[in-house]
Protein backbone atom coordinates (compact mmCIF):
# COMPACT_ATOMS: atom_id res chain seq x y z
CA THR A 1 238.23 193.88 -21.08
CA ALA A 2 240.84 193.20 -23.74
CA VAL A 3 243.53 194.75 -21.56
CA VAL A 4 242.37 192.62 -18.60
CA ALA A 5 242.57 189.46 -20.74
CA VAL A 6 246.10 190.34 -21.87
CA ALA A 7 247.17 191.16 -18.31
CA LEU A 8 245.68 187.94 -16.90
CA GLY A 9 247.43 185.90 -19.60
CA VAL A 10 250.77 187.61 -19.02
CA VAL A 11 250.58 187.18 -15.22
CA THR A 12 249.74 183.50 -15.64
CA LEU A 13 252.60 182.95 -18.09
CA VAL A 14 255.03 184.68 -15.73
CA ALA A 15 253.76 182.42 -12.92
CA TRP A 16 254.38 179.31 -15.05
CA VAL A 17 257.85 180.47 -16.07
CA LEU A 18 258.86 181.32 -12.49
CA GLY A 19 257.25 178.23 -11.02
CA TRP A 20 254.77 180.15 -8.87
CA ARG A 21 251.91 177.72 -9.08
CA GLY A 22 249.71 179.66 -6.68
CA LEU A 23 249.74 182.67 -9.03
CA SER A 24 248.71 180.59 -12.05
CA ALA A 25 245.29 179.79 -10.54
CA VAL A 26 242.41 181.85 -9.19
CA ASP A 27 243.00 180.26 -5.79
CA THR A 28 245.34 177.55 -4.53
CA ALA A 29 242.31 175.25 -4.22
CA TYR A 30 241.70 175.47 -7.98
CA ILE A 31 243.53 173.95 -10.92
CA SER A 32 246.08 176.22 -12.61
CA MET A 33 245.28 177.94 -15.88
CA ALA A 34 247.03 176.03 -18.66
CA PRO A 35 249.92 177.87 -20.33
CA ILE A 36 248.24 177.57 -23.73
CA THR A 37 245.09 179.11 -22.25
CA ALA A 38 247.17 182.04 -20.97
CA CYS A 39 248.78 182.43 -24.41
CA LEU A 40 245.34 182.50 -26.04
CA PHE A 41 244.11 185.08 -23.52
CA VAL A 42 246.98 187.28 -24.67
CA ALA A 43 246.38 186.52 -28.37
CA LEU A 44 242.63 187.19 -28.27
CA GLY A 45 243.07 190.24 -26.07
CA LEU A 46 245.53 191.67 -28.59
CA ALA A 47 243.21 190.67 -31.44
CA THR A 48 240.39 192.57 -29.75
CA LEU A 49 242.62 195.62 -29.39
CA GLY A 50 243.53 195.19 -33.05
CA GLN A 51 239.86 195.25 -34.01
CA ILE A 52 239.57 198.75 -32.56
CA GLY A 53 242.67 199.84 -34.46
CA TRP A 54 245.33 199.84 -31.75
CA PRO A 55 248.33 200.27 -32.13
CA GLY A 56 247.49 201.53 -35.62
CA PRO A 57 245.12 200.45 -38.40
CA ARG A 58 247.88 199.42 -40.80
CA PHE A 59 249.40 196.87 -38.42
CA ALA A 60 246.51 196.07 -36.11
CA ARG A 61 243.93 194.45 -38.40
CA PRO A 62 246.25 191.84 -39.97
CA ALA A 63 247.74 191.05 -36.55
CA ALA A 64 244.23 190.65 -35.11
CA THR A 65 243.32 188.23 -37.89
CA VAL A 66 246.46 186.16 -37.31
CA SER A 67 245.94 186.10 -33.53
CA ALA A 68 242.29 185.06 -33.82
CA SER A 69 243.15 182.41 -36.43
CA LEU A 70 245.85 180.92 -34.19
CA ALA A 71 243.42 180.86 -31.24
CA ALA A 72 240.80 179.08 -33.35
CA LEU A 73 243.38 176.56 -34.58
CA ALA A 74 244.61 175.85 -31.03
CA GLY A 75 241.04 175.37 -29.83
CA LEU A 76 240.26 172.99 -32.69
CA LEU A 77 243.42 170.99 -32.00
CA GLU A 78 242.47 170.74 -28.32
CA LEU A 79 239.04 169.36 -29.29
CA ALA A 80 240.56 166.95 -31.83
CA ARG A 81 242.82 165.65 -29.07
CA LEU A 82 239.73 164.46 -27.18
CA VAL A 83 238.91 162.06 -30.00
CA GLN A 84 242.35 161.05 -31.23
CA LYS A 85 244.32 161.24 -27.94
CA PHE A 86 247.47 162.75 -29.48
CA PRO A 87 249.95 165.01 -27.66
CA LEU A 88 250.17 168.68 -28.53
CA PRO A 89 253.40 170.70 -28.56
CA TRP A 90 252.31 172.88 -25.65
CA ASP A 91 251.57 169.92 -23.38
CA ALA A 92 255.16 170.01 -22.12
CA TRP A 93 254.96 173.67 -21.09
CA GLY A 94 254.71 174.49 -17.42
CA PHE A 95 255.10 172.49 -14.25
CA PRO A 96 255.84 168.80 -14.58
CA SER A 97 252.89 167.20 -12.85
CA GLU A 98 251.07 163.91 -12.73
CA ILE A 99 248.02 165.54 -11.16
CA GLN A 100 244.83 164.83 -13.08
CA PHE A 101 241.65 166.89 -13.14
CA GLY A 102 239.15 164.45 -14.60
CA SER A 103 240.74 163.18 -17.80
CA LEU A 104 243.00 166.24 -18.12
CA GLY A 105 246.39 166.76 -16.61
CA VAL A 106 247.34 170.01 -14.92
CA GLY A 107 248.46 172.35 -17.67
CA GLN A 108 246.05 171.02 -20.31
CA MET A 109 243.17 173.09 -21.66
CA SER A 110 239.61 172.17 -20.77
CA PRO A 111 237.40 171.22 -23.75
CA LEU A 112 234.86 173.88 -22.70
CA THR A 113 237.63 176.46 -22.69
CA ALA A 114 238.62 175.32 -26.19
CA VAL A 115 235.02 175.81 -27.40
CA CYS A 116 234.93 179.30 -25.87
CA PHE A 117 238.20 180.21 -27.60
CA ILE A 118 236.91 178.91 -30.94
CA LEU A 119 233.72 180.99 -30.57
CA ALA A 120 235.61 184.11 -29.49
CA ALA A 121 238.01 183.73 -32.41
CA ALA A 122 235.10 183.19 -34.81
CA ALA A 123 233.43 186.37 -33.55
CA LEU A 124 236.63 188.36 -34.04
CA LEU A 125 237.22 186.89 -37.49
CA THR A 126 233.66 187.54 -38.68
CA ARG A 127 233.77 191.06 -37.28
CA GLY A 128 237.12 191.68 -38.94
CA ALA A 129 235.87 190.32 -42.26
CA GLY A 130 233.26 193.09 -42.40
CA LEU A 131 230.38 190.74 -43.10
CA ASP A 132 227.07 192.22 -44.18
CA ARG A 133 225.43 190.57 -41.19
CA PRO A 134 226.73 192.45 -38.13
CA ALA A 135 224.42 190.40 -35.89
CA LEU A 136 226.46 187.22 -36.47
CA PRO A 137 229.52 188.33 -34.45
CA ARG A 138 227.19 189.56 -31.68
CA TRP A 139 225.43 186.18 -31.51
CA ILE A 140 228.76 184.38 -31.41
CA ASP A 141 229.96 186.81 -28.70
CA ALA A 142 226.83 186.14 -26.65
CA LEU A 143 227.18 182.36 -26.99
CA SER A 144 230.85 182.49 -26.02
CA ALA A 145 230.16 184.78 -23.05
CA GLY A 146 227.30 182.54 -21.92
CA LEU A 147 229.46 179.44 -22.01
CA GLY A 148 232.22 181.28 -20.19
CA LEU A 149 229.77 182.43 -17.52
CA LEU A 150 228.39 178.92 -17.17
CA PHE A 151 231.91 177.51 -16.83
CA GLY A 152 232.97 180.22 -14.37
CA THR A 153 229.88 179.66 -12.24
CA GLY A 154 230.55 175.92 -12.18
CA VAL A 155 234.13 176.49 -11.04
CA ALA A 156 233.06 178.99 -8.38
CA LEU A 157 230.41 176.64 -6.95
CA SER A 158 232.58 173.49 -6.97
């Protein structure tokens, strides 16, 4: 699944760079995946690969920690933006568009997506820290997967 997340993120980023809007969404009827979301798919996919020791234990674990930390920080900034209404550096990435999806513009991360990224990053960081409570990362994984499934089901049924 880590390889799929990386591949999905890379394909979406290529679509944004080349201006192929149809490739940056599941379907042309849906809103495009935000560029920052695609970047975090790549970061967390690589962090997951790093947790299993690829490309090598010496490099992989520190890189996984950095990737997961950056994903958590980006997710927290996205949530803080809801309250404070400040622009983020990655808001200008992608297609210039005035299209709104609720209170979000095309190319902005959904708050639910931000929560899922924070949870996924927390699970990777707690797993990487070698905590004495191995159940904690599993509970965080389950919560993150559940929210992702709920979100995905909502998108599919809308």
